[in-house]
């Protein structure tokens, strides 16, 4: 009898641990998707930061400003690469309209309503397409960590 109880307890503990780690992975994945959305939402401001961050010609510059500018420039470079890949993929697949909505929203600051008018689509489509493009971009930026529900 005790042996059977121990087996049940072990099985329950194993399942609890697996569930716990699965939940952690899901939360981390959601965080990466959220971070990708925030990166795209702030993309234009980050580009301005790289262009406008002040550095002194004499080489005297606040270390934190130089470090921030460098990190931001590297992230912008990675985002630009991923966006170019996404654009090419969507053109090849015949879904360039999804990329167009994404580009209009994040790179040109258009509202979903403006995108609806420009692309003559349903009111929920631009948001859905932007979410879909962001999920793909997330993988291009963060690899396996960018995959939702893996």
N, C-alpha and C. Protein backbone atom coordinates (compact mmCIF):
# COMPACT_ATOMS: atom_id res chain seq x y z
N UNK A 1 0.82 -1.20 0.00
CA UNK A 1 0.00 0.00 0.00
C UNK A 1 0.86 1.27 0.00
N UNK A 2 1.88 1.30 0.88
CA UNK A 2 2.77 2.46 0.94
C UNK A 2 3.53 2.66 -0.37
N UNK A 3 3.88 1.56 -1.00
CA UNK A 3 4.61 1.62 -2.27
C UNK A 3 3.75 2.30 -3.34
N UNK A 4 2.48 1.97 -3.37
CA UNK A 4 1.55 2.55 -4.34
C UNK A 4 1.37 4.05 -4.08
N UNK A 5 1.30 4.43 -2.83
CA UNK A 5 1.15 5.85 -2.46
C UNK A 5 2.41 6.61 -2.90
N UNK A 6 3.58 6.02 -2.67
CA UNK A 6 4.83 6.65 -3.09
C UNK A 6 4.87 6.84 -4.61
N UNK A 7 4.44 5.83 -5.35
CA UNK A 7 4.41 5.93 -6.81
C UNK A 7 3.48 7.05 -7.26
N UNK A 8 2.30 7.14 -6.65
CA UNK A 8 1.36 8.21 -6.98
C UNK A 8 1.94 9.58 -6.63
N UNK A 9 2.57 9.67 -5.47
CA UNK A 9 3.17 10.93 -5.06
C UNK A 9 4.30 11.33 -6.01
N UNK A 10 5.13 10.37 -6.41
CA UNK A 10 6.21 10.65 -7.36
C UNK A 10 5.66 11.12 -8.70
N UNK A 11 4.63 10.44 -9.18
CA UNK A 11 4.02 10.81 -10.46
C UNK A 11 3.42 12.21 -10.37
N UNK A 12 2.76 12.51 -9.27
CA UNK A 12 2.16 13.83 -9.09
C UNK A 12 3.24 14.90 -9.01
N UNK A 13 4.32 14.62 -8.30
CA UNK A 13 5.42 15.58 -8.19
C UNK A 13 6.07 15.83 -9.54
N UNK A 14 6.29 14.76 -10.30
CA UNK A 14 6.89 14.88 -11.63
C UNK A 14 6.01 15.73 -12.54
N UNK A 15 4.71 15.48 -12.50
CA UNK A 15 3.78 16.25 -13.33
C UNK A 15 3.77 17.72 -12.91
N UNK A 16 3.82 17.97 -11.61
CA UNK A 16 3.82 19.35 -11.11
C UNK A 16 5.07 20.09 -11.57
N UNK A 17 6.22 19.43 -11.52
CA UNK A 17 7.47 20.06 -11.95
C UNK A 17 7.43 20.34 -13.45
N UNK A 18 6.96 19.38 -14.24
CA UNK A 18 6.86 19.59 -15.70
C UNK A 18 5.92 20.75 -16.01
N UNK A 19 4.79 20.79 -15.32
CA UNK A 19 3.83 21.88 -15.53
C UNK A 19 4.44 23.22 -15.16
N UNK A 20 5.15 23.25 -14.04
CA UNK A 20 5.80 24.47 -13.59
C UNK A 20 6.77 25.00 -14.65
N UNK A 21 7.65 24.12 -15.16
CA UNK A 21 8.62 24.55 -16.15
C UNK A 21 7.96 24.92 -17.48
N UNK A 22 6.89 24.24 -17.84
CA UNK A 22 6.14 24.59 -19.05
C UNK A 22 5.56 26.00 -18.91
N UNK A 23 5.02 26.31 -17.74
CA UNK A 23 4.45 27.64 -17.50
C UNK A 23 5.53 28.72 -17.56
N UNK A 24 6.70 28.41 -17.04
CA UNK A 24 7.82 29.37 -17.10
C UNK A 24 8.19 29.64 -18.55
N UNK A 25 8.30 28.58 -19.37
CA UNK A 25 8.63 28.76 -20.79
C UNK A 25 7.58 29.60 -21.50
N UNK A 26 6.29 29.34 -21.20
CA UNK A 26 5.23 30.12 -21.83
C UNK A 26 5.33 31.58 -21.44
N UNK A 27 5.60 31.86 -20.17
CA UNK A 27 5.72 33.25 -19.72
C UNK A 27 6.92 33.94 -20.37
N UNK A 28 8.04 33.23 -20.47
CA UNK A 28 9.22 33.80 -21.12
C UNK A 28 8.93 34.10 -22.59
N UNK A 29 8.22 33.21 -23.24
CA UNK A 29 7.87 33.41 -24.64
C UNK A 29 6.97 34.63 -24.81
N UNK A 30 5.99 34.75 -23.92
CA UNK A 30 5.10 35.91 -23.97
C UNK A 30 5.89 37.19 -23.76
N UNK A 31 6.87 37.14 -22.87
CA UNK A 31 7.69 38.32 -22.58
C UNK A 31 8.48 38.73 -23.82
N UNK A 32 9.03 37.75 -24.54
CA UNK A 32 9.79 38.04 -25.75
C UNK A 32 8.88 38.65 -26.81
N UNK A 33 7.68 38.09 -26.99
CA UNK A 33 6.73 38.67 -27.95
C UNK A 33 6.37 40.09 -27.55
N UNK A 34 6.14 40.28 -26.26
CA UNK A 34 5.82 41.62 -25.77
C UNK A 34 6.99 42.57 -26.03
N UNK A 35 8.22 42.09 -25.76
CA UNK A 35 9.40 42.92 -25.99
C UNK A 35 9.56 43.29 -27.46
N UNK A 36 9.24 42.35 -28.35
CA UNK A 36 9.32 42.64 -29.79
C UNK A 36 8.31 43.71 -30.16
N UNK A 37 7.11 43.60 -29.60
CA UNK A 37 6.07 44.62 -29.87
C UNK A 37 6.56 45.98 -29.39
N UNK A 38 7.13 46.04 -28.20
CA UNK A 38 7.63 47.30 -27.65
C UNK A 38 8.78 47.84 -28.51
N UNK A 39 9.69 46.95 -28.92
CA UNK A 39 10.78 47.39 -29.80
C UNK A 39 10.24 48.04 -31.06
N UNK A 40 9.23 47.41 -31.66
CA UNK A 40 8.67 47.98 -32.89
C UNK A 40 7.90 49.26 -32.60
N UNK A 41 7.22 49.29 -31.47
CA UNK A 41 6.46 50.49 -31.09
C UNK A 41 7.40 51.68 -30.89
N UNK A 42 8.59 51.42 -30.40
CA UNK A 42 9.57 52.48 -30.11
C UNK A 42 10.66 52.59 -31.18
N UNK A 43 10.51 51.86 -32.27
CA UNK A 43 11.52 51.78 -33.33
C UNK A 43 11.95 53.17 -33.82
N UNK A 44 11.01 54.00 -34.18
CA UNK A 44 11.35 55.31 -34.74
C UNK A 44 12.06 56.18 -33.70
N UNK A 45 11.65 56.10 -32.45
CA UNK A 45 12.32 56.86 -31.40
C UNK A 45 13.74 56.36 -31.18
N UNK A 46 13.93 55.05 -31.28
CA UNK A 46 15.28 54.50 -31.13
C UNK A 46 16.18 54.96 -32.27
N UNK A 47 15.65 55.02 -33.49
CA UNK A 47 16.44 55.51 -34.62
C UNK A 47 16.86 56.97 -34.39
N UNK A 48 15.93 57.76 -33.88
CA UNK A 48 16.24 59.17 -33.58
C UNK A 48 17.32 59.27 -32.51
N UNK A 49 17.24 58.39 -31.51
CA UNK A 49 18.24 58.39 -30.44
C UNK A 49 19.63 58.15 -31.01
N UNK A 50 19.75 57.18 -31.90
CA UNK A 50 21.05 56.87 -32.49
C UNK A 50 21.57 58.06 -33.29
N UNK A 51 20.68 58.73 -34.02
CA UNK A 51 21.07 59.86 -34.84
C UNK A 51 21.42 61.09 -34.00
N UNK A 52 20.70 61.29 -32.90
CA UNK A 52 20.82 62.53 -32.14
C UNK A 52 21.64 62.45 -30.86
N UNK A 53 22.00 61.25 -30.43
CA UNK A 53 22.77 61.14 -29.18
C UNK A 53 24.05 61.95 -29.33
N UNK A 54 24.31 62.80 -28.37
CA UNK A 54 25.42 63.74 -28.45
C UNK A 54 26.71 63.05 -28.03
N UNK A 55 27.72 63.23 -28.89
CA UNK A 55 29.06 62.80 -28.52
C UNK A 55 30.01 63.93 -28.87
N UNK A 56 30.98 64.12 -28.07
CA UNK A 56 31.93 65.21 -28.22
C UNK A 56 33.01 64.83 -29.23
N UNK A 57 33.40 65.77 -30.09
CA UNK A 57 34.43 65.50 -31.09
C UNK A 57 35.79 65.20 -30.46
N UNK A 58 36.02 65.69 -29.27
CA UNK A 58 37.29 65.45 -28.58
C UNK A 58 37.34 64.06 -27.95
N UNK A 59 36.32 63.29 -28.15
CA UNK A 59 36.30 61.95 -27.58
C UNK A 59 35.76 61.93 -26.16
N UNK A 60 35.39 63.10 -25.65
CA UNK A 60 34.83 63.16 -24.31
C UNK A 60 33.32 62.97 -24.44
N UNK A 61 32.87 61.92 -23.88
CA UNK A 61 31.45 61.59 -23.98
C UNK A 61 31.06 60.82 -22.74
N UNK A 62 29.89 61.03 -22.29
CA UNK A 62 29.42 60.24 -21.17
C UNK A 62 29.41 58.78 -21.59
N UNK A 63 30.02 57.94 -20.80
CA UNK A 63 30.11 56.53 -21.12
C UNK A 63 28.72 55.93 -21.29
N UNK A 64 27.78 56.30 -20.43
CA UNK A 64 26.45 55.71 -20.50
C UNK A 64 25.73 56.10 -21.78
N UNK A 65 25.95 57.32 -22.27
CA UNK A 65 25.33 57.75 -23.53
C UNK A 65 25.93 56.98 -24.69
N UNK A 66 27.25 56.84 -24.70
CA UNK A 66 27.93 56.11 -25.77
C UNK A 66 27.48 54.64 -25.76
N UNK A 67 27.40 54.05 -24.57
CA UNK A 67 26.98 52.65 -24.46
C UNK A 67 25.54 52.47 -24.94
N UNK A 68 24.66 53.38 -24.54
CA UNK A 68 23.26 53.32 -24.96
C UNK A 68 23.12 53.48 -26.46
N UNK A 69 23.87 54.40 -27.01
CA UNK A 69 23.83 54.64 -28.46
C UNK A 69 24.31 53.40 -29.21
N UNK A 70 25.36 52.77 -28.74
CA UNK A 70 25.91 51.57 -29.39
C UNK A 70 24.92 50.41 -29.31
N UNK A 71 24.38 50.16 -28.13
CA UNK A 71 23.41 49.07 -27.97
C UNK A 71 22.19 49.30 -28.85
N UNK A 72 21.71 50.53 -28.88
CA UNK A 72 20.54 50.86 -29.68
C UNK A 72 20.83 50.69 -31.16
N UNK A 73 21.99 51.13 -31.59
CA UNK A 73 22.37 51.00 -33.00
C UNK A 73 22.45 49.53 -33.41
N UNK A 74 23.00 48.69 -32.56
CA UNK A 74 23.07 47.26 -32.86
C UNK A 74 21.68 46.64 -32.95
N UNK A 75 20.80 47.03 -32.04
CA UNK A 75 19.44 46.49 -32.07
C UNK A 75 18.71 46.97 -33.32
N UNK A 76 18.87 48.24 -33.68
CA UNK A 76 18.26 48.77 -34.90
C UNK A 76 18.77 48.00 -36.12
N UNK A 77 20.06 47.72 -36.15
CA UNK A 77 20.64 46.96 -37.27
C UNK A 77 20.01 45.57 -37.36
N UNK A 78 19.82 44.91 -36.22
CA UNK A 78 19.18 43.59 -36.21
C UNK A 78 17.72 43.68 -36.62
N UNK A 79 17.03 44.69 -36.14
CA UNK A 79 15.62 44.88 -36.50
C UNK A 79 15.51 45.12 -38.01
N UNK A 80 16.36 45.99 -38.54
CA UNK A 80 16.33 46.28 -39.99
C UNK A 80 16.57 45.02 -40.81
N UNK A 81 17.53 44.18 -40.39
CA UNK A 81 17.80 42.93 -41.08
C UNK A 81 16.58 42.03 -41.05
N UNK A 82 15.97 41.90 -39.88
CA UNK A 82 14.80 41.04 -39.72
C UNK A 82 13.61 41.57 -40.53
N UNK A 83 13.44 42.88 -40.56
CA UNK A 83 12.35 43.49 -41.34
C UNK A 83 12.56 43.22 -42.83
N UNK A 84 13.79 43.35 -43.30
CA UNK A 84 14.07 43.07 -44.71
C UNK A 84 13.75 41.61 -45.06
N UNK A 85 14.14 40.69 -44.19
CA UNK A 85 13.83 39.27 -44.41
C UNK A 85 12.32 39.05 -44.45
N UNK A 86 11.62 39.68 -43.50
CA UNK A 86 10.17 39.53 -43.42
C UNK A 86 9.50 40.08 -44.68
N UNK A 87 9.96 41.24 -45.14
CA UNK A 87 9.41 41.85 -46.36
C UNK A 87 9.54 40.89 -47.55
N UNK A 88 10.73 40.34 -47.73
CA UNK A 88 10.98 39.43 -48.85
C UNK A 88 10.11 38.19 -48.74
N UNK A 89 10.02 37.61 -47.54
CA UNK A 89 9.19 36.41 -47.34
C UNK A 89 7.73 36.67 -47.68
N UNK A 90 7.21 37.80 -47.23
CA UNK A 90 5.79 38.10 -47.45
C UNK A 90 5.50 38.41 -48.91
N UNK A 91 6.44 39.03 -49.61
CA UNK A 91 6.27 39.26 -51.04
C UNK A 91 6.24 37.92 -51.78
N UNK A 92 7.19 37.03 -51.44
CA UNK A 92 7.26 35.72 -52.09
C UNK A 92 6.01 34.88 -51.82
N UNK A 93 5.43 35.02 -50.63
CA UNK A 93 4.26 34.20 -50.27
C UNK A 93 2.94 34.82 -50.74
N UNK A 94 3.01 36.01 -51.33
CA UNK A 94 1.79 36.67 -51.80
C UNK A 94 1.02 37.35 -50.68
N UNK A 95 1.67 37.57 -49.55
CA UNK A 95 1.02 38.22 -48.41
C UNK A 95 1.66 39.57 -48.09
N UNK A 96 2.04 40.28 -49.13
CA UNK A 96 2.71 41.57 -48.92
C UNK A 96 1.80 42.57 -48.21
N UNK A 97 0.49 42.40 -48.35
CA UNK A 97 -0.47 43.30 -47.69
C UNK A 97 -0.32 43.24 -46.17
N UNK A 98 0.03 42.06 -45.64
CA UNK A 98 0.24 41.93 -44.19
C UNK A 98 1.47 42.72 -43.78
N UNK A 99 2.52 42.60 -44.56
CA UNK A 99 3.73 43.36 -44.27
C UNK A 99 3.46 44.85 -44.43
N UNK A 100 2.69 45.22 -45.46
CA UNK A 100 2.36 46.63 -45.68
C UNK A 100 1.66 47.23 -44.46
N UNK A 101 0.73 46.49 -43.88
CA UNK A 101 0.02 46.96 -42.68
C UNK A 101 1.01 47.14 -41.53
N UNK A 102 1.88 46.16 -41.35
CA UNK A 102 2.91 46.22 -40.31
C UNK A 102 3.80 47.44 -40.50
N UNK A 103 4.26 47.63 -41.72
CA UNK A 103 5.15 48.75 -42.05
C UNK A 103 4.44 50.10 -41.82
N UNK A 104 3.20 50.19 -42.29
CA UNK A 104 2.44 51.43 -42.12
C UNK A 104 2.29 51.77 -40.64
N UNK A 105 1.98 50.75 -39.84
CA UNK A 105 1.73 50.99 -38.42
C UNK A 105 3.01 51.34 -37.66
N UNK A 106 4.03 50.49 -37.77
CA UNK A 106 5.21 50.66 -36.95
C UNK A 106 6.26 51.60 -37.52
N UNK A 107 6.38 51.66 -38.84
CA UNK A 107 7.44 52.48 -39.43
C UNK A 107 6.94 53.84 -39.91
N UNK A 108 5.62 53.95 -40.11
CA UNK A 108 5.08 55.22 -40.59
C UNK A 108 4.05 55.82 -39.63
N UNK A 109 3.80 55.16 -38.52
CA UNK A 109 2.93 55.71 -37.48
C UNK A 109 1.46 55.80 -37.83
N UNK A 110 1.00 55.02 -38.78
CA UNK A 110 -0.41 55.04 -39.17
C UNK A 110 -1.26 54.30 -38.14
N UNK A 111 -2.48 54.77 -37.96
CA UNK A 111 -3.42 54.08 -37.09
C UNK A 111 -4.02 52.91 -37.85
N UNK A 112 -4.63 52.00 -37.10
CA UNK A 112 -5.27 50.86 -37.75
C UNK A 112 -6.40 51.33 -38.67
N UNK A 113 -7.10 52.37 -38.28
CA UNK A 113 -8.19 52.91 -39.11
C UNK A 113 -7.64 53.44 -40.44
N UNK A 114 -6.51 54.14 -40.38
CA UNK A 114 -5.89 54.65 -41.60
C UNK A 114 -5.42 53.50 -42.49
N UNK A 115 -4.93 52.45 -41.87
CA UNK A 115 -4.49 51.28 -42.63
C UNK A 115 -5.69 50.60 -43.30
N UNK A 116 -6.80 50.52 -42.57
CA UNK A 116 -8.03 49.95 -43.15
C UNK A 116 -8.42 50.70 -44.42
N UNK A 117 -8.38 52.02 -44.34
CA UNK A 117 -8.74 52.84 -45.49
C UNK A 117 -7.76 52.61 -46.65
N UNK A 118 -6.47 52.56 -46.34
CA UNK A 118 -5.46 52.42 -47.38
C UNK A 118 -5.48 51.04 -48.04
N UNK A 119 -5.74 50.01 -47.24
CA UNK A 119 -5.71 48.65 -47.78
C UNK A 119 -7.09 48.08 -48.07
N UNK A 120 -8.13 48.88 -47.77
CA UNK A 120 -9.51 48.45 -48.00
C UNK A 120 -9.76 47.05 -47.40
N UNK A 121 -9.61 47.00 -46.08
CA UNK A 121 -9.76 45.72 -45.38
C UNK A 121 -10.67 45.89 -44.16
N UNK A 122 -10.97 44.81 -43.50
CA UNK A 122 -11.81 44.84 -42.31
C UNK A 122 -11.12 45.57 -41.17
N UNK A 123 -11.91 46.02 -40.20
CA UNK A 123 -11.37 46.85 -39.13
C UNK A 123 -10.41 46.11 -38.20
N UNK A 124 -10.53 44.80 -38.07
CA UNK A 124 -9.65 44.03 -37.19
C UNK A 124 -8.41 43.48 -37.90
N UNK A 125 -8.43 43.50 -39.22
CA UNK A 125 -7.33 42.90 -39.98
C UNK A 125 -5.97 43.53 -39.71
N UNK A 126 -5.82 44.85 -39.74
CA UNK A 126 -4.48 45.43 -39.51
C UNK A 126 -3.87 45.02 -38.17
N UNK A 127 -4.65 45.02 -37.11
CA UNK A 127 -4.13 44.62 -35.80
C UNK A 127 -3.72 43.15 -35.82
N UNK A 128 -4.53 42.31 -36.43
CA UNK A 128 -4.23 40.88 -36.52
C UNK A 128 -2.95 40.66 -37.33
N UNK A 129 -2.82 41.36 -38.45
CA UNK A 129 -1.64 41.22 -39.29
C UNK A 129 -0.38 41.72 -38.58
N UNK A 130 -0.52 42.84 -37.87
CA UNK A 130 0.64 43.37 -37.13
C UNK A 130 1.08 42.39 -36.05
N UNK A 131 0.13 41.78 -35.40
CA UNK A 131 0.46 40.78 -34.37
C UNK A 131 1.16 39.59 -35.01
N UNK A 132 0.67 39.14 -36.15
CA UNK A 132 1.27 38.01 -36.86
C UNK A 132 2.69 38.34 -37.31
N UNK A 133 2.89 39.52 -37.88
CA UNK A 133 4.21 39.93 -38.35
C UNK A 133 5.18 40.08 -37.17
N UNK A 134 4.67 40.58 -36.05
CA UNK A 134 5.51 40.74 -34.86
C UNK A 134 5.96 39.39 -34.33
N UNK A 135 5.09 38.39 -34.37
CA UNK A 135 5.46 37.04 -33.92
C UNK A 135 6.56 36.47 -34.80
N UNK A 136 6.48 36.68 -36.09
CA UNK A 136 7.51 36.20 -37.02
C UNK A 136 8.81 36.96 -36.77
N UNK A 137 8.69 38.26 -36.61
CA UNK A 137 9.86 39.10 -36.36
C UNK A 137 10.54 38.71 -35.04
N UNK A 138 9.75 38.33 -34.08
CA UNK A 138 10.27 37.91 -32.78
C UNK A 138 11.23 36.74 -32.92
N UNK A 139 10.88 35.77 -33.75
CA UNK A 139 11.74 34.62 -33.99
C UNK A 139 13.01 35.06 -34.74
N UNK A 140 12.86 35.96 -35.68
CA UNK A 140 14.01 36.44 -36.44
C UNK A 140 14.99 37.21 -35.54
N UNK A 141 14.46 37.85 -34.51
CA UNK A 141 15.31 38.61 -33.61
C UNK A 141 15.87 37.78 -32.46
N UNK A 142 15.06 36.87 -31.91
CA UNK A 142 15.43 36.18 -30.68
C UNK A 142 15.53 34.66 -30.82
N UNK A 143 15.41 34.15 -32.03
CA UNK A 143 15.54 32.72 -32.26
C UNK A 143 14.47 31.92 -31.55
N UNK A 144 14.86 30.80 -30.98
CA UNK A 144 13.91 29.89 -30.34
C UNK A 144 13.19 30.58 -29.17
N UNK A 145 13.84 31.54 -28.52
CA UNK A 145 13.20 32.25 -27.42
C UNK A 145 12.02 33.10 -27.89
N UNK A 146 11.97 33.37 -29.19
CA UNK A 146 10.88 34.19 -29.74
C UNK A 146 9.69 33.39 -30.20
N UNK A 147 9.75 32.07 -30.03
CA UNK A 147 8.63 31.23 -30.49
C UNK A 147 7.57 31.17 -29.40
N UNK A 148 6.35 31.48 -29.78
CA UNK A 148 5.23 31.45 -28.86
C UNK A 148 4.76 30.00 -28.72
N UNK A 149 4.62 29.55 -27.50
CA UNK A 149 4.05 28.24 -27.18
C UNK A 149 4.81 27.07 -27.78
N UNK A 150 6.12 27.07 -27.64
CA UNK A 150 6.89 25.95 -28.19
C UNK A 150 7.07 24.85 -27.20
